[in-house]
């Protein structure tokens, strides 16, 4: 397991590699971000952006999503995985926003997770990106990179990964770290073909060393 000094060195190196790391889901306001993140479950940001380009022209508010049939909304997001369930969640989410929050996206994480289709990861993304609240959202990239590098244990749950990162990284760096870990995992330490040979963190990476050792045999 990496110690505090090593973890913060890792974060700094990732920052040098990806100085412009940011949320890649295109949105203009918190409501669009909630919808985009909800759509991104088991789906790439690139595909979500392709769909939301037209979706957000047609639907600009919770009322707009409720003004059409479920079937019509399903057709509008059909190219996204789990589109039937996601369309249902979007309509239910929109109704709850109108009923309980005056049509506005709540800024509180505990309130956000009450929305249909919004889990802890989505809530953390929204409070961080839309409202500037320090948070670390653990998606598949963050979890994979954290475990490969030895920041967390392989057996750790997603919640345990989040808590470990929050303990080892200063709060004012949480949001930046979240984006750096995602970019590092998405563009460098990929799931199937990590670029271990050219990785500046290889000397601290237990998995990278194992992987290269196996290649050498």
N, C-alpha and C. Protein backbone atom coordinates (compact mmCIF):
# COMPACT_ATOMS: atom_id res chain seq x y z
N UNK A 1 0.84 -1.20 0.00
CA UNK A 1 0.00 0.00 0.00
C UNK A 1 0.87 1.26 0.00
N UNK A 2 0.54 2.19 -0.84
CA UNK A 2 1.30 3.44 -0.90
C UNK A 2 1.00 4.29 0.33
N UNK A 3 2.04 4.96 0.83
CA UNK A 3 1.82 5.85 1.96
C UNK A 3 1.34 7.22 1.47
N UNK A 4 1.08 8.11 2.41
CA UNK A 4 0.52 9.42 2.08
C UNK A 4 1.42 10.19 1.11
N UNK A 5 2.70 10.20 1.39
CA UNK A 5 3.66 10.92 0.54
C UNK A 5 3.65 10.35 -0.87
N UNK A 6 3.62 9.04 -1.00
CA UNK A 6 3.63 8.40 -2.31
C UNK A 6 2.34 8.68 -3.08
N UNK A 7 1.22 8.63 -2.38
CA UNK A 7 -0.07 8.89 -3.03
C UNK A 7 -0.11 10.31 -3.58
N UNK A 8 0.36 11.26 -2.81
CA UNK A 8 0.34 12.64 -3.28
C UNK A 8 1.34 12.86 -4.42
N UNK A 9 2.43 12.11 -4.42
CA UNK A 9 3.36 12.16 -5.55
C UNK A 9 2.68 11.62 -6.80
N UNK A 10 1.93 10.53 -6.66
CA UNK A 10 1.19 9.95 -7.78
C UNK A 10 0.22 10.97 -8.37
N UNK A 11 -0.49 11.66 -7.51
CA UNK A 11 -1.47 12.66 -7.96
C UNK A 11 -0.77 13.80 -8.71
N UNK A 12 0.39 14.22 -8.21
CA UNK A 12 1.14 15.29 -8.86
C UNK A 12 1.62 14.86 -10.25
N UNK A 13 2.11 13.63 -10.36
CA UNK A 13 2.58 13.12 -11.65
C UNK A 13 1.42 13.05 -12.64
N UNK A 14 0.27 12.58 -12.18
CA UNK A 14 -0.91 12.53 -13.06
C UNK A 14 -1.30 13.94 -13.51
N UNK A 15 -1.12 14.90 -12.62
CA UNK A 15 -1.43 16.28 -12.98
C UNK A 15 -0.51 16.80 -14.06
N UNK A 16 0.76 16.37 -14.02
CA UNK A 16 1.73 16.76 -15.06
C UNK A 16 1.39 16.08 -16.39
N UNK A 17 0.92 14.84 -16.30
CA UNK A 17 0.54 14.11 -17.51
C UNK A 17 -0.74 14.66 -18.14
N UNK A 18 -1.68 15.03 -17.28
CA UNK A 18 -2.99 15.50 -17.76
C UNK A 18 -3.37 16.80 -17.04
N UNK A 19 -2.70 17.89 -17.39
CA UNK A 19 -2.95 19.17 -16.71
C UNK A 19 -4.35 19.73 -16.94
N UNK A 20 -5.01 19.26 -17.99
CA UNK A 20 -6.35 19.77 -18.30
C UNK A 20 -7.45 18.76 -17.97
N UNK A 21 -7.16 17.81 -17.10
CA UNK A 21 -8.16 16.80 -16.73
C UNK A 21 -9.43 17.47 -16.21
N UNK A 22 -10.56 17.06 -16.74
CA UNK A 22 -11.83 17.68 -16.39
C UNK A 22 -12.98 16.72 -16.70
N UNK A 23 -14.17 17.12 -16.33
CA UNK A 23 -15.35 16.34 -16.65
C UNK A 23 -15.60 16.46 -18.16
N UNK A 24 -15.63 15.33 -18.86
CA UNK A 24 -15.78 15.36 -20.30
C UNK A 24 -17.24 15.25 -20.77
N UNK A 25 -18.16 15.15 -19.84
CA UNK A 25 -19.57 15.14 -20.21
C UNK A 25 -20.00 16.58 -20.50
N UNK A 26 -20.46 16.80 -21.71
CA UNK A 26 -20.85 18.16 -22.13
C UNK A 26 -22.19 18.53 -21.49
N UNK A 27 -22.21 19.68 -20.82
CA UNK A 27 -23.43 20.14 -20.15
C UNK A 27 -23.35 21.65 -19.96
N UNK A 28 -24.51 22.26 -19.77
CA UNK A 28 -24.55 23.71 -19.57
C UNK A 28 -25.04 24.10 -18.18
N UNK A 29 -25.58 23.15 -17.44
CA UNK A 29 -26.12 23.45 -16.12
C UNK A 29 -26.21 22.17 -15.29
N UNK A 30 -26.48 22.29 -13.99
CA UNK A 30 -26.54 21.10 -13.13
C UNK A 30 -27.54 20.05 -13.58
N UNK A 31 -28.68 20.49 -14.11
CA UNK A 31 -29.70 19.53 -14.55
C UNK A 31 -29.17 18.68 -15.70
N UNK A 32 -28.55 19.31 -16.68
CA UNK A 32 -27.99 18.55 -17.79
C UNK A 32 -26.90 17.60 -17.31
N UNK A 33 -26.12 18.04 -16.32
CA UNK A 33 -25.05 17.18 -15.80
C UNK A 33 -25.63 15.94 -15.13
N UNK A 34 -26.68 16.12 -14.34
CA UNK A 34 -27.33 14.97 -13.69
C UNK A 34 -27.79 13.96 -14.73
N UNK A 35 -28.44 14.45 -15.78
CA UNK A 35 -28.94 13.57 -16.84
C UNK A 35 -27.78 12.87 -17.53
N UNK A 36 -26.74 13.62 -17.86
CA UNK A 36 -25.59 13.06 -18.58
C UNK A 36 -24.88 11.99 -17.76
N UNK A 37 -24.67 12.25 -16.47
CA UNK A 37 -23.99 11.27 -15.63
C UNK A 37 -24.86 10.03 -15.45
N UNK A 38 -26.16 10.22 -15.31
CA UNK A 38 -27.07 9.08 -15.18
C UNK A 38 -27.03 8.22 -16.45
N UNK A 39 -26.92 8.86 -17.59
CA UNK A 39 -26.85 8.13 -18.87
C UNK A 39 -25.52 7.42 -19.04
N UNK A 40 -24.49 7.89 -18.35
CA UNK A 40 -23.13 7.37 -18.58
C UNK A 40 -22.86 6.03 -17.90
N UNK A 41 -23.77 5.55 -17.07
CA UNK A 41 -23.57 4.27 -16.41
C UNK A 41 -23.39 3.16 -17.45
N UNK A 42 -22.28 2.43 -17.36
CA UNK A 42 -21.95 1.35 -18.29
C UNK A 42 -21.94 1.85 -19.74
N UNK A 43 -21.46 3.07 -19.93
CA UNK A 43 -21.44 3.68 -21.25
C UNK A 43 -20.31 4.71 -21.30
N UNK A 44 -19.73 4.94 -22.45
CA UNK A 44 -18.64 5.90 -22.56
C UNK A 44 -19.16 7.33 -22.59
N UNK A 45 -18.34 8.25 -22.10
CA UNK A 45 -18.71 9.67 -22.16
C UNK A 45 -18.87 10.12 -23.61
N UNK A 46 -18.07 9.58 -24.50
CA UNK A 46 -18.14 9.98 -25.91
C UNK A 46 -19.51 9.67 -26.49
N UNK A 47 -20.04 8.49 -26.19
CA UNK A 47 -21.36 8.13 -26.70
C UNK A 47 -22.45 8.97 -26.06
N UNK A 48 -22.31 9.22 -24.76
CA UNK A 48 -23.29 10.06 -24.07
C UNK A 48 -23.33 11.45 -24.69
N UNK A 49 -22.16 12.03 -24.95
CA UNK A 49 -22.11 13.36 -25.56
C UNK A 49 -22.74 13.37 -26.95
N UNK A 50 -22.58 12.29 -27.67
CA UNK A 50 -23.18 12.19 -28.99
C UNK A 50 -24.70 12.22 -28.90
N UNK A 51 -25.24 11.54 -27.89
CA UNK A 51 -26.69 11.47 -27.70
C UNK A 51 -27.23 12.78 -27.12
N UNK A 52 -26.55 13.32 -26.12
CA UNK A 52 -27.07 14.51 -25.45
C UNK A 52 -26.97 15.77 -26.31
N UNK A 53 -26.18 15.74 -27.35
CA UNK A 53 -26.11 16.90 -28.24
C UNK A 53 -27.49 17.25 -28.78
N UNK A 54 -28.23 16.24 -29.20
CA UNK A 54 -29.59 16.45 -29.68
C UNK A 54 -30.60 16.42 -28.54
N UNK A 55 -30.33 15.57 -27.55
CA UNK A 55 -31.26 15.42 -26.43
C UNK A 55 -31.47 16.74 -25.70
N UNK A 56 -30.38 17.47 -25.45
CA UNK A 56 -30.49 18.72 -24.70
C UNK A 56 -31.01 19.88 -25.54
N UNK A 57 -31.11 19.68 -26.83
CA UNK A 57 -31.79 20.67 -27.67
C UNK A 57 -33.30 20.49 -27.56
N UNK A 58 -33.70 19.24 -27.40
CA UNK A 58 -35.13 18.91 -27.33
C UNK A 58 -35.68 19.06 -25.92
N UNK A 59 -34.89 18.65 -24.94
CA UNK A 59 -35.32 18.67 -23.53
C UNK A 59 -34.44 19.63 -22.74
N UNK A 60 -35.02 20.69 -22.25
CA UNK A 60 -34.25 21.71 -21.54
C UNK A 60 -34.62 21.82 -20.06
N UNK A 61 -35.62 21.07 -19.63
CA UNK A 61 -36.08 21.17 -18.24
C UNK A 61 -36.77 19.88 -17.83
N UNK A 62 -37.01 19.70 -16.54
CA UNK A 62 -37.75 18.52 -16.09
C UNK A 62 -39.12 18.42 -16.75
N UNK A 63 -39.76 19.57 -16.94
CA UNK A 63 -41.09 19.57 -17.57
C UNK A 63 -41.04 18.99 -18.98
N UNK A 64 -39.96 19.28 -19.71
CA UNK A 64 -39.84 18.79 -21.08
C UNK A 64 -39.77 17.26 -21.13
N UNK A 65 -39.07 16.67 -20.18
CA UNK A 65 -38.95 15.21 -20.17
C UNK A 65 -40.28 14.55 -19.81
N UNK A 66 -41.12 15.27 -19.08
CA UNK A 66 -42.42 14.72 -18.68
C UNK A 66 -43.50 15.00 -19.72
N UNK A 67 -43.19 15.85 -20.69
CA UNK A 67 -44.19 16.23 -21.69
C UNK A 67 -44.31 15.21 -22.82
N UNK A 68 -43.39 14.27 -22.88
CA UNK A 68 -43.43 13.25 -23.93
C UNK A 68 -43.68 11.88 -23.30
N UNK A 69 -44.02 10.92 -24.11
CA UNK A 69 -44.25 9.57 -23.61
C UNK A 69 -42.92 8.90 -23.27
N UNK A 70 -43.01 7.88 -22.45
CA UNK A 70 -41.81 7.10 -22.10
C UNK A 70 -41.21 6.48 -23.35
N UNK A 71 -42.07 6.04 -24.24
CA UNK A 71 -41.60 5.41 -25.48
C UNK A 71 -40.82 6.38 -26.35
N UNK A 72 -41.25 7.61 -26.40
CA UNK A 72 -40.55 8.61 -27.22
C UNK A 72 -39.17 8.90 -26.63
N UNK A 73 -39.10 9.03 -25.32
CA UNK A 73 -37.81 9.28 -24.67
C UNK A 73 -36.88 8.08 -24.87
N UNK A 74 -37.43 6.89 -24.79
CA UNK A 74 -36.61 5.69 -25.02
C UNK A 74 -35.99 5.71 -26.42
N UNK A 75 -36.76 6.13 -27.40
CA UNK A 75 -36.24 6.21 -28.76
C UNK A 75 -35.13 7.25 -28.87
N UNK A 76 -35.26 8.33 -28.12
CA UNK A 76 -34.27 9.40 -28.18
C UNK A 76 -32.92 9.00 -27.58
N UNK A 77 -32.93 8.01 -26.68
CA UNK A 77 -31.67 7.58 -26.07
C UNK A 77 -31.38 6.11 -26.38
N UNK A 78 -31.98 5.61 -27.42
CA UNK A 78 -31.93 4.18 -27.73
C UNK A 78 -30.51 3.64 -27.93
N UNK A 79 -29.60 4.46 -28.43
CA UNK A 79 -28.24 3.99 -28.70
C UNK A 79 -27.40 3.81 -27.44
N UNK A 80 -27.95 4.21 -26.29
CA UNK A 80 -27.24 4.08 -25.03
C UNK A 80 -27.69 2.80 -24.32
N UNK A 81 -26.74 2.09 -23.73
CA UNK A 81 -27.05 0.87 -23.02
C UNK A 81 -28.05 1.09 -21.89
N UNK A 82 -28.90 0.10 -21.65
CA UNK A 82 -29.92 0.17 -20.59
C UNK A 82 -30.87 1.34 -20.80
N UNK A 83 -31.15 1.65 -22.07
CA UNK A 83 -31.93 2.87 -22.37
C UNK A 83 -33.34 2.83 -21.79
N UNK A 84 -33.95 1.67 -21.71
CA UNK A 84 -35.31 1.60 -21.17
C UNK A 84 -35.34 2.00 -19.70
N UNK A 85 -34.45 1.44 -18.92
CA UNK A 85 -34.40 1.75 -17.50
C UNK A 85 -33.96 3.19 -17.26
N UNK A 86 -33.02 3.67 -18.07
CA UNK A 86 -32.54 5.04 -17.92
C UNK A 86 -33.62 6.05 -18.28
N UNK A 87 -34.42 5.75 -19.29
CA UNK A 87 -35.52 6.65 -19.67
C UNK A 87 -36.54 6.74 -18.53
N UNK A 88 -36.84 5.60 -17.92
CA UNK A 88 -37.76 5.58 -16.79
C UNK A 88 -37.22 6.39 -15.63
N UNK A 89 -35.92 6.23 -15.34
CA UNK A 89 -35.31 6.98 -14.24
C UNK A 89 -35.31 8.47 -14.51
N UNK A 90 -35.06 8.87 -15.76
CA UNK A 90 -35.04 10.29 -16.10
C UNK A 90 -36.40 10.92 -15.86
N UNK A 91 -37.45 10.23 -16.27
CA UNK A 91 -38.81 10.76 -16.05
C UNK A 91 -39.14 10.84 -14.56
N UNK A 92 -38.81 9.79 -13.82
CA UNK A 92 -39.08 9.79 -12.38
C UNK A 92 -38.24 10.85 -11.66
N UNK A 93 -37.00 10.99 -12.10
CA UNK A 93 -36.11 12.01 -11.54
C UNK A 93 -36.69 13.41 -11.80
N UNK A 94 -37.15 13.63 -13.00
CA UNK A 94 -37.72 14.93 -13.37
C UNK A 94 -38.96 15.24 -12.52
N UNK A 95 -39.79 14.23 -12.31
CA UNK A 95 -41.00 14.42 -11.51
C UNK A 95 -40.66 14.77 -10.07
N UNK A 96 -39.66 14.07 -9.52
CA UNK A 96 -39.26 14.32 -8.13
C UNK A 96 -38.65 15.71 -7.98
N UNK A 97 -37.88 16.15 -8.97
CA UNK A 97 -37.30 17.49 -8.91
C UNK A 97 -38.41 18.54 -8.84
N UNK A 98 -39.47 18.33 -9.60
CA UNK A 98 -40.58 19.28 -9.61
C UNK A 98 -41.38 19.21 -8.31
N UNK A 99 -41.58 17.99 -7.81
CA UNK A 99 -42.40 17.81 -6.62
C UNK A 99 -41.71 18.25 -5.33
N UNK A 100 -40.41 18.00 -5.25
CA UNK A 100 -39.71 18.21 -3.98
C UNK A 100 -38.68 19.34 -3.97
N UNK A 101 -38.21 19.73 -5.18
CA UNK A 101 -37.10 20.68 -5.21
C UNK A 101 -37.36 21.88 -6.12
N UNK A 102 -38.62 22.14 -6.38
CA UNK A 102 -38.98 23.31 -7.20
C UNK A 102 -38.30 23.28 -8.57
N UNK A 103 -38.03 22.08 -9.07
CA UNK A 103 -37.44 21.95 -10.40
C UNK A 103 -35.94 22.15 -10.44
N UNK A 104 -35.32 22.40 -9.27
CA UNK A 104 -33.89 22.66 -9.21
C UNK A 104 -33.12 21.44 -8.69
N UNK A 105 -31.92 21.24 -9.20
CA UNK A 105 -31.09 20.14 -8.73
C UNK A 105 -30.54 20.49 -7.34
N UNK A 106 -30.76 19.65 -6.34
CA UNK A 106 -30.25 19.95 -5.00
C UNK A 106 -28.73 19.92 -4.95
N UNK A 107 -28.17 20.74 -4.08
CA UNK A 107 -26.71 20.82 -3.96
C UNK A 107 -26.16 19.83 -2.94
N UNK A 108 -27.03 19.23 -2.17
CA UNK A 108 -26.62 18.33 -1.10
C UNK A 108 -26.53 16.89 -1.61
N UNK A 109 -25.43 16.21 -1.28
CA UNK A 109 -25.21 14.83 -1.76
C UNK A 109 -26.32 13.90 -1.28
N UNK A 110 -26.72 14.04 -0.03
CA UNK A 110 -27.75 13.15 0.52
C UNK A 110 -29.09 13.35 -0.16
N UNK A 111 -29.36 14.54 -0.61
CA UNK A 111 -30.59 14.80 -1.34
C UNK A 111 -30.48 14.28 -2.77
N UNK A 112 -29.32 14.41 -3.35
CA UNK A 112 -29.11 13.95 -4.73
C UNK A 112 -29.33 12.45 -4.88
N UNK A 113 -28.85 11.67 -3.91
CA UNK A 113 -28.97 10.22 -4.03
C UNK A 113 -30.41 9.75 -3.87
N UNK A 114 -31.32 10.63 -3.48
CA UNK A 114 -32.73 10.28 -3.42
C UNK A 114 -33.37 10.27 -4.80
N UNK A 115 -32.68 10.89 -5.77
CA UNK A 115 -33.23 10.98 -7.12
C UNK A 115 -33.08 9.63 -7.83
N UNK A 116 -34.09 9.17 -8.54
CA UNK A 116 -34.02 7.90 -9.26
C UNK A 116 -32.85 7.87 -10.25
N UNK A 117 -32.07 6.81 -10.21
CA UNK A 117 -30.94 6.68 -11.13
C UNK A 117 -29.69 7.39 -10.70
N UNK A 118 -29.74 8.05 -9.54
CA UNK A 118 -28.58 8.79 -9.04
C UNK A 118 -27.99 8.05 -7.83
N UNK A 119 -26.82 7.48 -8.03
CA UNK A 119 -26.12 6.81 -6.94
C UNK A 119 -25.07 7.73 -6.34
N UNK A 120 -24.25 7.18 -5.48
CA UNK A 120 -23.23 7.99 -4.80
C UNK A 120 -22.23 8.57 -5.80
N UNK A 121 -21.83 7.77 -6.81
CA UNK A 121 -20.86 8.27 -7.79
C UNK A 121 -21.42 9.48 -8.53
N UNK A 122 -22.66 9.34 -9.02
CA UNK A 122 -23.28 10.45 -9.74
C UNK A 122 -23.41 11.68 -8.86
N UNK A 123 -23.82 11.47 -7.62
CA UNK A 123 -23.98 12.59 -6.69
C UNK A 123 -22.64 13.29 -6.46
N UNK A 124 -21.58 12.52 -6.31
CA UNK A 124 -20.26 13.12 -6.10
C UNK A 124 -19.81 13.93 -7.31
N UNK A 125 -20.09 13.43 -8.50
CA UNK A 125 -19.74 14.17 -9.71
C UNK A 125 -20.49 15.50 -9.74
N UNK A 126 -21.77 15.45 -9.44
CA UNK A 126 -22.61 16.65 -9.52
C UNK A 126 -22.19 17.70 -8.50
N UNK A 127 -22.00 17.29 -7.24
CA UNK A 127 -21.63 18.29 -6.23
C UNK A 127 -20.26 18.89 -6.53
N UNK A 128 -19.38 18.07 -7.08
CA UNK A 128 -18.03 18.55 -7.39
C UNK A 128 -18.00 19.46 -8.61
N UNK A 129 -18.53 18.96 -9.72
CA UNK A 129 -18.45 19.68 -11.00
C UNK A 129 -19.43 20.85 -11.06
N UNK A 130 -20.65 20.63 -10.63
CA UNK A 130 -21.68 21.66 -10.78
C UNK A 130 -21.65 22.69 -9.65
N UNK A 131 -21.26 22.25 -8.45
CA UNK A 131 -21.37 23.15 -7.29
C UNK A 131 -20.04 23.43 -6.58
N UNK A 132 -18.95 22.86 -7.07
CA UNK A 132 -17.64 23.15 -6.51
C UNK A 132 -17.38 22.60 -5.12
N UNK A 133 -18.11 21.57 -4.74
CA UNK A 133 -17.93 20.94 -3.44
C UNK A 133 -16.88 19.82 -3.57
N UNK A 134 -15.83 19.82 -2.75
CA UNK A 134 -14.81 18.77 -2.86
C UNK A 134 -15.41 17.37 -2.74
N UNK A 135 -15.09 16.51 -3.71
CA UNK A 135 -15.62 15.15 -3.70
C UNK A 135 -14.77 14.28 -4.62
N UNK A 136 -14.77 12.98 -4.35
CA UNK A 136 -14.09 12.01 -5.21
C UNK A 136 -15.12 10.98 -5.66
N UNK A 137 -15.43 10.99 -6.93
CA UNK A 137 -16.38 10.04 -7.48
C UNK A 137 -15.62 8.82 -7.99
N UNK A 138 -15.95 7.66 -7.49
CA UNK A 138 -15.23 6.44 -7.86
C UNK A 138 -15.96 5.72 -8.98
N UNK A 139 -15.46 5.89 -10.19
CA UNK A 139 -16.00 5.13 -11.32
C UNK A 139 -15.05 3.97 -11.60
N UNK A 140 -15.26 3.28 -12.71
CA UNK A 140 -14.44 2.11 -13.02
C UNK A 140 -12.96 2.47 -13.20
N UNK A 141 -12.67 3.65 -13.75
CA UNK A 141 -11.28 4.08 -13.94
C UNK A 141 -10.61 4.38 -12.60
N UNK A 142 -11.29 5.13 -11.77
CA UNK A 142 -10.74 5.50 -10.47
C UNK A 142 -10.47 4.25 -9.63
N UNK A 143 -11.42 3.33 -9.64
CA UNK A 143 -11.26 2.09 -8.86
C UNK A 143 -10.09 1.26 -9.39
N UNK A 144 -10.03 1.08 -10.71
CA UNK A 144 -8.97 0.26 -11.30
C UNK A 144 -7.59 0.84 -11.02
N UNK A 145 -7.41 2.12 -11.26
CA UNK A 145 -6.12 2.76 -11.08
C UNK A 145 -5.70 2.74 -9.61
N UNK A 146 -6.64 3.02 -8.72
CA UNK A 146 -6.33 3.04 -7.29
C UNK A 146 -5.86 1.67 -6.81
N UNK A 147 -6.45 0.62 -7.33
CA UNK A 147 -6.08 -0.73 -6.91
C UNK A 147 -4.80 -1.20 -7.60
N UNK A 148 -4.63 -0.87 -8.86
CA UNK A 148 -3.40 -1.26 -9.56
C UNK A 148 -2.17 -0.63 -8.93
N UNK A 149 -2.29 0.62 -8.56
CA UNK A 149 -1.15 1.34 -8.00
C UNK A 149 -0.88 0.99 -6.53
N UNK A 150 -1.86 0.35 -5.90
CA UNK A 150 -1.68 0.01 -4.50
C UNK A 150 -2.09 1.12 -3.55
N UNK A 151 -2.89 2.06 -4.04
CA UNK A 151 -3.43 3.08 -3.15
C UNK A 151 -4.48 2.43 -2.25
N UNK A 152 -5.21 1.48 -2.84
CA UNK A 152 -6.23 0.75 -2.11
C UNK A 152 -5.99 -0.75 -2.26
N UNK A 153 -6.73 -1.53 -1.52
CA UNK A 153 -6.62 -2.99 -1.59
C UNK A 153 -7.54 -3.53 -2.69
N UNK A 154 -7.15 -4.64 -3.30
CA UNK A 154 -7.96 -5.24 -4.36
C UNK A 154 -9.35 -5.62 -3.87
N UNK A 155 -9.45 -6.01 -2.60
CA UNK A 155 -10.73 -6.47 -2.07
C UNK A 155 -11.65 -5.32 -1.66
N UNK A 156 -11.14 -4.10 -1.66
CA UNK A 156 -11.93 -2.95 -1.22
C UNK A 156 -13.16 -2.74 -2.09
N UNK A 157 -14.26 -2.39 -1.46
CA UNK A 157 -15.48 -2.02 -2.19
C UNK A 157 -15.30 -0.62 -2.77
N UNK A 158 -16.23 -0.21 -3.60
CA UNK A 158 -16.17 1.13 -4.18
C UNK A 158 -16.20 2.19 -3.08
N UNK A 159 -17.03 1.98 -2.08
CA UNK A 159 -17.12 2.94 -0.98
C UNK A 159 -15.81 2.98 -0.19
N UNK A 160 -15.19 1.82 0.00
CA UNK A 160 -13.91 1.78 0.71
C UNK A 160 -12.81 2.47 -0.09
N UNK A 161 -12.85 2.34 -1.41
CA UNK A 161 -11.89 3.04 -2.26
C UNK A 161 -12.06 4.55 -2.09
N UNK A 162 -13.31 5.01 -2.11
CA UNK A 162 -13.57 6.44 -1.94
C UNK A 162 -13.06 6.93 -0.59
N UNK A 163 -13.34 6.19 0.46
CA UNK A 163 -12.92 6.62 1.80
C UNK A 163 -11.41 6.63 1.95
N UNK A 164 -10.74 5.64 1.33
CA UNK A 164 -9.28 5.59 1.40
C UNK A 164 -8.67 6.79 0.68
N UNK A 165 -9.19 7.11 -0.50
CA UNK A 165 -8.69 8.26 -1.25
C UNK A 165 -8.92 9.55 -0.47
N UNK A 166 -10.07 9.66 0.18
CA UNK A 166 -10.37 10.86 0.96
C UNK A 166 -9.44 11.01 2.15
N UNK A 167 -9.01 9.88 2.71
CA UNK A 167 -8.08 9.92 3.85
C UNK A 167 -6.66 10.29 3.42
N UNK A 168 -6.26 9.79 2.25
CA UNK A 168 -4.87 9.95 1.82
C UNK A 168 -4.61 11.21 1.01
N UNK A 169 -5.66 11.89 0.60
CA UNK A 169 -5.50 13.08 -0.24
C UNK A 169 -6.15 14.28 0.45
N UNK A 170 -5.48 15.43 0.50
CA UNK A 170 -6.06 16.62 1.12
C UNK A 170 -7.39 16.99 0.47
N UNK A 171 -8.34 17.46 1.26
CA UNK A 171 -9.67 17.75 0.77
C UNK A 171 -9.68 18.73 -0.40
N UNK A 172 -8.79 19.73 -0.36
CA UNK A 172 -8.80 20.72 -1.43
C UNK A 172 -8.30 20.16 -2.77
N UNK A 173 -7.82 18.91 -2.75
CA UNK A 173 -7.35 18.27 -3.98
C UNK A 173 -8.26 17.14 -4.44
N UNK A 174 -9.35 16.90 -3.71
CA UNK A 174 -10.23 15.78 -4.05
C UNK A 174 -10.77 15.85 -5.48
N UNK A 175 -11.34 16.97 -5.84
CA UNK A 175 -11.98 17.08 -7.15
C UNK A 175 -10.97 16.95 -8.29
N UNK A 176 -9.84 17.64 -8.15
CA UNK A 176 -8.80 17.54 -9.18
C UNK A 176 -8.27 16.10 -9.28
N UNK A 177 -8.11 15.47 -8.14
CA UNK A 177 -7.61 14.09 -8.12
C UNK A 177 -8.57 13.16 -8.83
N UNK A 178 -9.84 13.35 -8.59
CA UNK A 178 -10.88 12.55 -9.25
C UNK A 178 -10.73 12.61 -10.77
N UNK A 179 -10.56 13.80 -11.32
CA UNK A 179 -10.43 13.96 -12.77
C UNK A 179 -9.10 13.39 -13.27
N UNK A 180 -8.05 13.58 -12.50
CA UNK A 180 -6.74 13.05 -12.92
C UNK A 180 -6.74 11.53 -12.96
N UNK A 181 -7.34 10.90 -11.96
CA UNK A 181 -7.43 9.45 -11.93
C UNK A 181 -8.23 8.93 -13.13
N UNK A 182 -9.30 9.62 -13.47
CA UNK A 182 -10.13 9.21 -14.62
C UNK A 182 -9.33 9.33 -15.91
N UNK A 183 -8.66 10.44 -16.12
CA UNK A 183 -7.89 10.62 -17.35
C UNK A 183 -6.75 9.61 -17.43
N UNK A 184 -6.10 9.38 -16.30
CA UNK A 184 -5.00 8.41 -16.26
C UNK A 184 -5.51 7.02 -16.63
N UNK A 185 -6.67 6.65 -16.10
CA UNK A 185 -7.24 5.35 -16.39
C UNK A 185 -7.83 5.24 -17.78
N UNK A 186 -8.38 6.33 -18.27
CA UNK A 186 -9.04 6.32 -19.58
C UNK A 186 -8.04 6.36 -20.73
N UNK A 187 -6.96 7.10 -20.55
CA UNK A 187 -6.04 7.33 -21.67
C UNK A 187 -4.65 6.72 -21.50
N UNK A 188 -4.33 6.21 -20.32
CA UNK A 188 -2.98 5.66 -20.11
C UNK A 188 -3.03 4.26 -19.48
N UNK A 189 -3.56 4.18 -18.29
CA UNK A 189 -3.64 2.90 -17.58
C UNK A 189 -4.97 2.22 -17.91
N UNK A 190 -5.11 1.88 -19.18
CA UNK A 190 -6.37 1.33 -19.68
C UNK A 190 -6.64 -0.07 -19.13
N UNK A 191 -7.89 -0.47 -19.16
CA UNK A 191 -8.27 -1.75 -18.60
C UNK A 191 -7.57 -2.92 -19.30
N UNK A 192 -7.58 -2.90 -20.64
CA UNK A 192 -7.06 -4.03 -21.39
C UNK A 192 -5.61 -3.86 -21.85
N UNK A 193 -5.20 -2.66 -22.09
CA UNK A 193 -3.84 -2.46 -22.60
C UNK A 193 -3.15 -1.26 -21.93
N UNK A 194 -2.84 -1.39 -20.65
CA UNK A 194 -2.16 -0.29 -19.95
C UNK A 194 -0.77 -0.05 -20.52
N UNK A 195 -0.37 1.21 -20.58
CA UNK A 195 0.91 1.58 -21.17
C UNK A 195 2.02 1.55 -20.10
N UNK A 196 2.26 0.36 -19.58
CA UNK A 196 3.21 0.19 -18.48
C UNK A 196 4.64 0.59 -18.87
N UNK A 197 5.03 0.23 -20.10
CA UNK A 197 6.41 0.48 -20.53
C UNK A 197 6.78 1.96 -20.46
N UNK A 198 5.84 2.83 -20.74
CA UNK A 198 6.13 4.26 -20.78
C UNK A 198 5.57 5.01 -19.57
N UNK A 199 5.17 4.28 -18.55
CA UNK A 199 4.51 4.91 -17.42
C UNK A 199 5.51 5.52 -16.43
N UNK A 200 5.38 6.79 -16.11
CA UNK A 200 6.29 7.44 -15.16
C UNK A 200 6.07 6.96 -13.72
N UNK A 201 5.02 6.18 -13.50
CA UNK A 201 4.73 5.68 -12.16
C UNK A 201 5.07 4.20 -12.02
N UNK A 202 5.75 3.65 -13.01
CA UNK A 202 6.03 2.21 -13.02
C UNK A 202 6.76 1.74 -11.77
N UNK A 203 7.73 2.51 -11.31
CA UNK A 203 8.53 2.09 -10.16
C UNK A 203 7.71 1.93 -8.88
N UNK A 204 6.55 2.59 -8.82
CA UNK A 204 5.70 2.49 -7.64
C UNK A 204 4.50 1.59 -7.87
N UNK A 205 4.39 1.04 -9.08
CA UNK A 205 3.19 0.28 -9.44
C UNK A 205 3.43 -1.22 -9.37
N UNK A 206 2.81 -1.86 -8.42
CA UNK A 206 2.99 -3.30 -8.24
C UNK A 206 2.45 -4.09 -9.43
N UNK A 207 1.32 -3.66 -9.96
CA UNK A 207 0.71 -4.38 -11.08
C UNK A 207 1.50 -4.20 -12.36
N UNK A 208 2.02 -2.99 -12.57
CA UNK A 208 2.81 -2.73 -13.77
C UNK A 208 4.07 -3.58 -13.80
N UNK A 209 4.71 -3.69 -12.66
CA UNK A 209 5.92 -4.51 -12.58
C UNK A 209 5.61 -5.98 -12.85
N UNK A 210 4.52 -6.46 -12.29
CA UNK A 210 4.10 -7.86 -12.52
C UNK A 210 3.81 -8.10 -14.00
N UNK A 211 3.12 -7.13 -14.60
CA UNK A 211 2.73 -7.27 -16.00
C UNK A 211 3.95 -7.33 -16.92
N UNK A 212 4.90 -6.46 -16.68
CA UNK A 212 6.11 -6.45 -17.53
C UNK A 212 6.98 -7.67 -17.28
N UNK A 213 6.98 -8.15 -16.05
CA UNK A 213 7.77 -9.35 -15.73
C UNK A 213 7.22 -10.56 -16.48
N UNK A 214 5.89 -10.65 -16.57
CA UNK A 214 5.25 -11.75 -17.30
C UNK A 214 5.56 -11.66 -18.79
N UNK A 215 5.60 -10.44 -19.32
CA UNK A 215 5.90 -10.26 -20.74
C UNK A 215 7.32 -10.69 -21.06
N UNK A 216 8.20 -10.47 -20.09
CA UNK A 216 9.61 -10.77 -20.32
C UNK A 216 9.91 -12.27 -20.29
N UNK A 217 9.02 -13.03 -19.68
CA UNK A 217 9.25 -14.49 -19.57
C UNK A 217 9.01 -15.17 -20.92
